[in-house]
Amino acid sequence: MPSIFHLAFHVRDLKTSRQFYGDVLGCREGRSTDTWIDFDFFGHQISLHLGTPFATTNTGKVGAHMVPMPHLGVALQMAQWRALADRLTAQNVVFVMPPSIRFAGQPGEQATMFFVDPSGNPIEVKGFEDLGTVFER
């Protein structure tokens, strides 16, 4: 089994976070208490703890877009990325950077989208036809 990444971060409200990560993103909920919730974030573990979210600034340049830094994210197979982009669009999620393709026809061609959770935590989801090309330049 490959390794599983774990990230714990703050959210302002567990109820709205549970709805967003569970119902909007479709992540399976794991263990929880009255102060935190674990989710299966596309095969990785995230732990949402009550608190003040980390500060972000729009200082990351992605093409012509300035995106929030720092941010968390995941790289998915393209079919899974497209299904998630369609799901988020259908649920009227507001995108910081709408679903788009970068580096078309080049090594490292990828799809990307940026959005934020209800606490303002920025998320990037990338899509690749072949996850083996993630590190190509």
N, C-alpha and C. Protein backbone atom coordinates (compact mmCIF):
# COMPACT_ATOMS: atom_id res chain seq x y z
N MET A 1 0.85 -1.19 0.00
CA MET A 1 0.00 0.00 0.00
C MET A 1 0.88 1.24 0.00
N PRO A 2 0.56 2.22 -0.84
CA PRO A 2 1.35 3.46 -0.82
C PRO A 2 1.13 4.21 0.49
N SER A 3 2.00 5.13 0.78
CA SER A 3 1.83 5.91 2.00
C SER A 3 0.62 6.83 1.88
N ILE A 4 0.06 7.20 3.02
CA ILE A 4 -1.10 8.09 3.06
C ILE A 4 -0.66 9.39 3.73
N PHE A 5 -0.94 10.49 3.07
CA PHE A 5 -0.60 11.80 3.61
C PHE A 5 -1.63 12.19 4.66
N HIS A 6 -1.18 12.85 5.72
CA HIS A 6 -2.06 13.34 6.78
C HIS A 6 -1.84 14.84 6.95
N LEU A 7 -2.93 15.59 7.02
CA LEU A 7 -2.85 17.02 7.29
C LEU A 7 -3.95 17.38 8.26
N ALA A 8 -3.58 18.06 9.35
CA ALA A 8 -4.55 18.57 10.32
C ALA A 8 -4.54 20.09 10.23
N PHE A 9 -5.74 20.68 10.19
CA PHE A 9 -5.83 22.13 10.09
C PHE A 9 -7.12 22.61 10.75
N HIS A 10 -7.19 23.91 10.96
CA HIS A 10 -8.32 24.50 11.67
C HIS A 10 -9.48 24.86 10.75
N VAL A 11 -10.68 24.70 11.31
CA VAL A 11 -11.91 25.18 10.68
C VAL A 11 -12.71 25.93 11.75
N ARG A 12 -13.57 26.82 11.31
CA ARG A 12 -14.34 27.63 12.26
C ARG A 12 -15.56 26.90 12.83
N ASP A 13 -16.14 26.00 12.04
CA ASP A 13 -17.38 25.35 12.44
C ASP A 13 -17.41 23.92 11.92
N LEU A 14 -17.63 22.96 12.81
CA LEU A 14 -17.62 21.56 12.39
C LEU A 14 -18.85 21.18 11.58
N LYS A 15 -20.00 21.76 11.88
CA LYS A 15 -21.22 21.40 11.16
C LYS A 15 -21.12 21.79 9.68
N THR A 16 -20.71 23.03 9.39
CA THR A 16 -20.60 23.44 7.99
C THR A 16 -19.44 22.72 7.30
N SER A 17 -18.37 22.44 8.04
CA SER A 17 -17.24 21.71 7.46
C SER A 17 -17.65 20.27 7.14
N ARG A 18 -18.40 19.65 8.03
CA ARG A 18 -18.88 18.28 7.80
C ARG A 18 -19.74 18.24 6.52
N GLN A 19 -20.60 19.22 6.36
CA GLN A 19 -21.46 19.28 5.18
C GLN A 19 -20.63 19.49 3.92
N PHE A 20 -19.66 20.40 3.96
CA PHE A 20 -18.85 20.70 2.79
C PHE A 20 -17.99 19.50 2.39
N TYR A 21 -17.20 18.99 3.32
CA TYR A 21 -16.29 17.90 2.97
C TYR A 21 -17.04 16.60 2.69
N GLY A 22 -18.13 16.36 3.42
CA GLY A 22 -18.90 15.14 3.22
C GLY A 22 -19.85 15.21 2.04
N ASP A 23 -20.75 16.20 2.06
CA ASP A 23 -21.79 16.27 1.04
C ASP A 23 -21.33 16.92 -0.26
N VAL A 24 -20.59 18.02 -0.17
CA VAL A 24 -20.17 18.73 -1.39
C VAL A 24 -19.01 18.01 -2.07
N LEU A 25 -17.94 17.73 -1.32
CA LEU A 25 -16.78 17.06 -1.92
C LEU A 25 -16.95 15.54 -2.03
N GLY A 26 -17.83 14.98 -1.23
CA GLY A 26 -18.05 13.53 -1.27
C GLY A 26 -17.02 12.72 -0.51
N CYS A 27 -16.35 13.33 0.47
CA CYS A 27 -15.34 12.63 1.27
C CYS A 27 -16.02 11.83 2.37
N ARG A 28 -15.51 10.63 2.62
CA ARG A 28 -16.05 9.76 3.66
C ARG A 28 -15.55 10.23 5.02
N GLU A 29 -16.48 10.37 5.96
CA GLU A 29 -16.11 10.78 7.32
C GLU A 29 -15.54 9.61 8.10
N GLY A 30 -14.51 9.91 8.88
CA GLY A 30 -13.92 8.91 9.76
C GLY A 30 -14.28 9.21 11.21
N ARG A 31 -13.30 9.09 12.08
CA ARG A 31 -13.53 9.36 13.50
C ARG A 31 -13.80 10.84 13.73
N SER A 32 -14.46 11.13 14.87
CA SER A 32 -14.70 12.52 15.22
C SER A 32 -14.95 12.63 16.72
N THR A 33 -14.80 13.85 17.22
CA THR A 33 -15.18 14.19 18.58
C THR A 33 -15.95 15.50 18.50
N ASP A 34 -16.15 16.15 19.62
CA ASP A 34 -16.84 17.44 19.59
C ASP A 34 -15.92 18.57 19.17
N THR A 35 -14.61 18.29 18.92
CA THR A 35 -13.67 19.35 18.51
C THR A 35 -12.93 19.05 17.22
N TRP A 36 -13.12 17.87 16.62
CA TRP A 36 -12.44 17.56 15.37
C TRP A 36 -13.17 16.45 14.60
N ILE A 37 -12.89 16.40 13.28
CA ILE A 37 -13.44 15.38 12.38
C ILE A 37 -12.33 14.94 11.44
N ASP A 38 -12.20 13.63 11.23
CA ASP A 38 -11.31 13.09 10.21
C ASP A 38 -12.12 12.80 8.94
N PHE A 39 -11.49 13.02 7.78
CA PHE A 39 -12.09 12.67 6.50
C PHE A 39 -11.09 11.93 5.64
N ASP A 40 -11.61 11.03 4.82
CA ASP A 40 -10.84 10.39 3.76
C ASP A 40 -10.88 11.37 2.59
N PHE A 41 -9.81 12.13 2.43
CA PHE A 41 -9.70 13.16 1.40
C PHE A 41 -9.04 12.53 0.18
N PHE A 42 -9.84 11.82 -0.61
CA PHE A 42 -9.36 11.17 -1.84
C PHE A 42 -8.18 10.24 -1.56
N GLY A 43 -8.34 9.43 -0.50
CA GLY A 43 -7.32 8.45 -0.14
C GLY A 43 -6.30 8.94 0.87
N HIS A 44 -6.43 10.16 1.32
CA HIS A 44 -5.52 10.74 2.31
C HIS A 44 -6.33 11.19 3.52
N GLN A 45 -5.68 11.33 4.65
CA GLN A 45 -6.39 11.69 5.87
C GLN A 45 -6.23 13.18 6.18
N ILE A 46 -7.37 13.86 6.30
CA ILE A 46 -7.34 15.22 6.81
C ILE A 46 -8.11 15.24 8.11
N SER A 47 -7.64 16.06 9.04
CA SER A 47 -8.29 16.22 10.34
C SER A 47 -8.64 17.69 10.51
N LEU A 48 -9.92 17.95 10.63
CA LEU A 48 -10.42 19.31 10.77
C LEU A 48 -10.64 19.59 12.25
N HIS A 49 -9.90 20.53 12.80
CA HIS A 49 -9.97 20.86 14.22
C HIS A 49 -10.55 22.26 14.38
N LEU A 50 -11.38 22.44 15.40
CA LEU A 50 -11.93 23.77 15.67
C LEU A 50 -10.80 24.73 16.02
N GLY A 51 -10.82 25.90 15.41
CA GLY A 51 -9.80 26.90 15.68
C GLY A 51 -9.80 27.96 14.59
N THR A 52 -8.79 28.79 14.62
CA THR A 52 -8.66 29.86 13.64
C THR A 52 -7.85 29.34 12.44
N PRO A 53 -8.45 29.34 11.25
CA PRO A 53 -7.73 28.85 10.06
C PRO A 53 -6.45 29.65 9.80
N PHE A 54 -5.51 29.02 9.11
CA PHE A 54 -4.25 29.69 8.80
C PHE A 54 -4.50 30.86 7.87
N ALA A 55 -3.66 31.87 8.00
CA ALA A 55 -3.78 33.05 7.15
C ALA A 55 -3.30 32.72 5.74
N THR A 56 -3.97 33.30 4.75
CA THR A 56 -3.57 33.09 3.35
C THR A 56 -3.49 34.44 2.64
N THR A 57 -2.72 34.46 1.57
CA THR A 57 -2.63 35.62 0.70
C THR A 57 -2.63 35.13 -0.74
N ASN A 58 -3.13 35.92 -1.65
CA ASN A 58 -3.16 35.55 -3.06
C ASN A 58 -1.82 35.89 -3.70
N THR A 59 -0.82 35.10 -3.38
CA THR A 59 0.54 35.35 -3.86
C THR A 59 1.09 34.25 -4.75
N GLY A 60 0.32 33.20 -4.97
CA GLY A 60 0.77 32.12 -5.84
C GLY A 60 0.34 32.38 -7.26
N LYS A 61 1.27 32.43 -8.18
CA LYS A 61 0.93 32.70 -9.59
C LYS A 61 0.77 31.38 -10.33
N VAL A 62 -0.43 31.16 -10.84
CA VAL A 62 -0.74 29.97 -11.63
C VAL A 62 -1.31 30.49 -12.95
N GLY A 63 -0.47 30.47 -13.97
CA GLY A 63 -0.86 31.07 -15.24
C GLY A 63 -1.09 32.55 -15.02
N ALA A 64 -2.28 33.04 -15.40
CA ALA A 64 -2.61 34.46 -15.22
C ALA A 64 -3.33 34.71 -13.89
N HIS A 65 -3.52 33.67 -13.10
CA HIS A 65 -4.26 33.78 -11.85
C HIS A 65 -3.32 33.91 -10.65
N MET A 66 -3.73 34.70 -9.70
CA MET A 66 -3.06 34.76 -8.40
C MET A 66 -3.92 33.93 -7.45
N VAL A 67 -3.33 32.90 -6.87
CA VAL A 67 -4.09 31.95 -6.06
C VAL A 67 -3.63 32.00 -4.61
N PRO A 68 -4.49 31.54 -3.69
CA PRO A 68 -4.16 31.60 -2.27
C PRO A 68 -3.00 30.69 -1.88
N MET A 69 -2.15 31.24 -1.06
CA MET A 69 -1.02 30.51 -0.50
C MET A 69 -1.06 30.69 1.01
N PRO A 70 -0.77 29.68 1.79
CA PRO A 70 -0.64 28.29 1.37
C PRO A 70 -2.01 27.69 1.04
N HIS A 71 -1.98 26.52 0.41
CA HIS A 71 -3.21 25.79 0.14
C HIS A 71 -2.92 24.29 0.22
N LEU A 72 -3.98 23.51 0.36
CA LEU A 72 -3.84 22.06 0.35
C LEU A 72 -4.46 21.56 -0.93
N GLY A 73 -4.17 20.34 -1.27
CA GLY A 73 -4.75 19.82 -2.49
C GLY A 73 -4.46 18.36 -2.72
N VAL A 74 -4.88 17.91 -3.89
CA VAL A 74 -4.72 16.51 -4.26
C VAL A 74 -4.63 16.43 -5.79
N ALA A 75 -3.93 15.43 -6.27
CA ALA A 75 -3.87 15.14 -7.70
C ALA A 75 -4.69 13.87 -7.96
N LEU A 76 -5.61 13.97 -8.90
CA LEU A 76 -6.52 12.87 -9.22
C LEU A 76 -6.33 12.41 -10.65
N GLN A 77 -6.80 11.19 -10.94
CA GLN A 77 -6.90 10.74 -12.32
C GLN A 77 -7.88 11.68 -13.03
N MET A 78 -7.68 11.94 -14.31
CA MET A 78 -8.48 12.93 -15.03
C MET A 78 -9.99 12.64 -14.96
N ALA A 79 -10.39 11.40 -15.09
CA ALA A 79 -11.82 11.09 -15.05
C ALA A 79 -12.42 11.47 -13.69
N GLN A 80 -11.69 11.19 -12.63
CA GLN A 80 -12.16 11.54 -11.29
C GLN A 80 -12.18 13.07 -11.11
N TRP A 81 -11.16 13.75 -11.67
CA TRP A 81 -11.11 15.22 -11.61
C TRP A 81 -12.32 15.83 -12.32
N ARG A 82 -12.62 15.32 -13.52
CA ARG A 82 -13.77 15.84 -14.29
C ARG A 82 -15.08 15.64 -13.53
N ALA A 83 -15.24 14.47 -12.93
CA ALA A 83 -16.46 14.19 -12.17
C ALA A 83 -16.57 15.15 -10.98
N LEU A 84 -15.46 15.43 -10.30
CA LEU A 84 -15.49 16.35 -9.18
C LEU A 84 -15.77 17.78 -9.66
N ALA A 85 -15.14 18.20 -10.76
CA ALA A 85 -15.40 19.54 -11.30
C ALA A 85 -16.88 19.69 -11.65
N ASP A 86 -17.48 18.68 -12.25
CA ASP A 86 -18.90 18.71 -12.59
C ASP A 86 -19.75 18.77 -11.31
N ARG A 87 -19.37 18.00 -10.31
CA ARG A 87 -20.10 17.97 -9.04
C ARG A 87 -20.08 19.34 -8.37
N LEU A 88 -18.88 19.95 -8.32
CA LEU A 88 -18.75 21.26 -7.67
C LEU A 88 -19.49 22.34 -8.46
N THR A 89 -19.42 22.29 -9.77
CA THR A 89 -20.14 23.25 -10.60
C THR A 89 -21.65 23.11 -10.38
N ALA A 90 -22.15 21.89 -10.34
CA ALA A 90 -23.58 21.65 -10.14
C ALA A 90 -24.03 22.13 -8.77
N GLN A 91 -23.12 22.14 -7.79
CA GLN A 91 -23.47 22.59 -6.45
C GLN A 91 -23.16 24.08 -6.24
N ASN A 92 -22.87 24.76 -7.34
CA ASN A 92 -22.63 26.22 -7.32
C ASN A 92 -21.47 26.64 -6.42
N VAL A 93 -20.44 25.81 -6.35
CA VAL A 93 -19.24 26.19 -5.61
C VAL A 93 -18.59 27.35 -6.36
N VAL A 94 -18.18 28.36 -5.62
CA VAL A 94 -17.50 29.52 -6.23
C VAL A 94 -16.02 29.16 -6.36
N PHE A 95 -15.49 29.28 -7.56
CA PHE A 95 -14.09 28.93 -7.80
C PHE A 95 -13.20 30.16 -7.70
N VAL A 96 -12.07 30.00 -7.03
CA VAL A 96 -11.01 31.01 -7.06
C VAL A 96 -10.39 30.99 -8.45
N MET A 97 -10.19 29.78 -8.96
CA MET A 97 -9.72 29.55 -10.33
C MET A 97 -10.58 28.42 -10.89
N PRO A 98 -11.39 28.71 -11.91
CA PRO A 98 -12.30 27.68 -12.42
C PRO A 98 -11.55 26.52 -13.06
N PRO A 99 -12.23 25.38 -13.18
CA PRO A 99 -11.61 24.23 -13.81
C PRO A 99 -11.03 24.59 -15.18
N SER A 100 -9.76 24.23 -15.38
CA SER A 100 -9.09 24.56 -16.64
C SER A 100 -7.92 23.60 -16.86
N ILE A 101 -7.39 23.61 -18.08
CA ILE A 101 -6.25 22.77 -18.45
C ILE A 101 -5.02 23.66 -18.56
N ARG A 102 -3.92 23.21 -17.98
CA ARG A 102 -2.64 23.92 -18.07
C ARG A 102 -1.64 23.05 -18.81
N PHE A 103 -0.73 23.67 -19.48
CA PHE A 103 0.36 22.98 -20.20
C PHE A 103 -0.16 21.98 -21.23
N ALA A 104 -1.23 22.35 -21.94
CA ALA A 104 -1.84 21.45 -22.92
C ALA A 104 -0.80 21.00 -23.94
N GLY A 105 -0.75 19.69 -24.16
CA GLY A 105 0.16 19.11 -25.13
C GLY A 105 1.61 19.07 -24.71
N GLN A 106 1.92 19.50 -23.50
CA GLN A 106 3.30 19.51 -23.00
C GLN A 106 3.47 18.46 -21.91
N PRO A 107 4.74 18.13 -21.60
CA PRO A 107 4.96 17.26 -20.44
C PRO A 107 4.35 17.93 -19.20
N GLY A 108 3.70 17.16 -18.37
CA GLY A 108 3.08 17.72 -17.18
C GLY A 108 1.71 18.33 -17.43
N GLU A 109 1.11 18.08 -18.62
CA GLU A 109 -0.23 18.60 -18.88
C GLU A 109 -1.14 18.21 -17.71
N GLN A 110 -1.93 19.18 -17.24
CA GLN A 110 -2.76 18.94 -16.07
C GLN A 110 -4.00 19.82 -16.09
N ALA A 111 -5.01 19.35 -15.41
CA ALA A 111 -6.19 20.14 -15.14
C ALA A 111 -6.05 20.68 -13.72
N THR A 112 -6.65 21.82 -13.45
CA THR A 112 -6.60 22.36 -12.10
C THR A 112 -7.85 23.17 -11.81
N MET A 113 -8.15 23.28 -10.53
CA MET A 113 -9.22 24.16 -10.05
C MET A 113 -8.89 24.51 -8.60
N PHE A 114 -9.25 25.73 -8.22
CA PHE A 114 -9.07 26.22 -6.85
C PHE A 114 -10.41 26.68 -6.31
N PHE A 115 -10.67 26.38 -5.05
CA PHE A 115 -11.85 26.85 -4.35
C PHE A 115 -11.52 26.88 -2.87
N VAL A 116 -12.41 27.41 -2.06
CA VAL A 116 -12.16 27.46 -0.61
C VAL A 116 -13.28 26.74 0.12
N ASP A 117 -12.95 26.20 1.30
CA ASP A 117 -13.97 25.59 2.15
C ASP A 117 -14.71 26.69 2.92
N PRO A 118 -15.74 26.36 3.69
CA PRO A 118 -16.50 27.40 4.39
C PRO A 118 -15.68 28.22 5.40
N SER A 119 -14.53 27.72 5.82
CA SER A 119 -13.66 28.45 6.74
C SER A 119 -12.63 29.29 6.01
N GLY A 120 -12.64 29.24 4.68
CA GLY A 120 -11.69 29.99 3.88
C GLY A 120 -10.40 29.25 3.58
N ASN A 121 -10.32 27.97 3.94
CA ASN A 121 -9.13 27.18 3.64
C ASN A 121 -9.09 26.88 2.14
N PRO A 122 -8.03 27.32 1.43
CA PRO A 122 -7.97 27.11 -0.01
C PRO A 122 -7.57 25.68 -0.38
N ILE A 123 -8.20 25.20 -1.44
CA ILE A 123 -7.98 23.82 -1.91
C ILE A 123 -7.73 23.87 -3.41
N GLU A 124 -6.70 23.16 -3.85
CA GLU A 124 -6.45 22.97 -5.28
C GLU A 124 -6.61 21.50 -5.59
N VAL A 125 -7.32 21.20 -6.66
CA VAL A 125 -7.44 19.82 -7.13
C VAL A 125 -6.91 19.79 -8.55
N LYS A 126 -5.92 18.93 -8.75
CA LYS A 126 -5.32 18.76 -10.08
C LYS A 126 -5.79 17.44 -10.68
N GLY A 127 -5.81 17.38 -12.00
CA GLY A 127 -6.16 16.16 -12.71
C GLY A 127 -5.10 15.82 -13.73
N PHE A 128 -4.76 14.54 -13.82
CA PHE A 128 -3.76 14.04 -14.77
C PHE A 128 -4.30 12.80 -15.45
N GLU A 129 -4.05 12.69 -16.75
CA GLU A 129 -4.39 11.45 -17.45
C GLU A 129 -3.59 10.30 -16.87
N ASP A 130 -2.34 10.57 -16.52
CA ASP A 130 -1.45 9.55 -15.96
C ASP A 130 -0.76 10.17 -14.74
N LEU A 131 -1.07 9.68 -13.55
CA LEU A 131 -0.47 10.24 -12.34
C LEU A 131 1.05 10.08 -12.32
N GLY A 132 1.57 9.21 -13.18
CA GLY A 132 3.02 9.04 -13.29
C GLY A 132 3.71 10.25 -13.91
N THR A 133 2.92 11.19 -14.46
CA THR A 133 3.49 12.39 -15.09
C THR A 133 3.46 13.60 -14.16
N VAL A 134 3.05 13.44 -12.93
CA VAL A 134 2.91 14.57 -12.00
C VAL A 134 4.19 15.38 -11.90
N PHE A 135 5.34 14.73 -11.90
CA PHE A 135 6.59 15.43 -11.69
C PHE A 135 7.36 15.75 -12.97
N GLU A 136 6.74 15.51 -14.13
CA GLU A 136 7.41 15.82 -15.39
C GLU A 136 7.54 17.33 -15.57
N ARG A 137 8.64 17.74 -16.24
CA ARG A 137 8.81 19.17 -16.51
C ARG A 137 9.01 19.41 -17.98
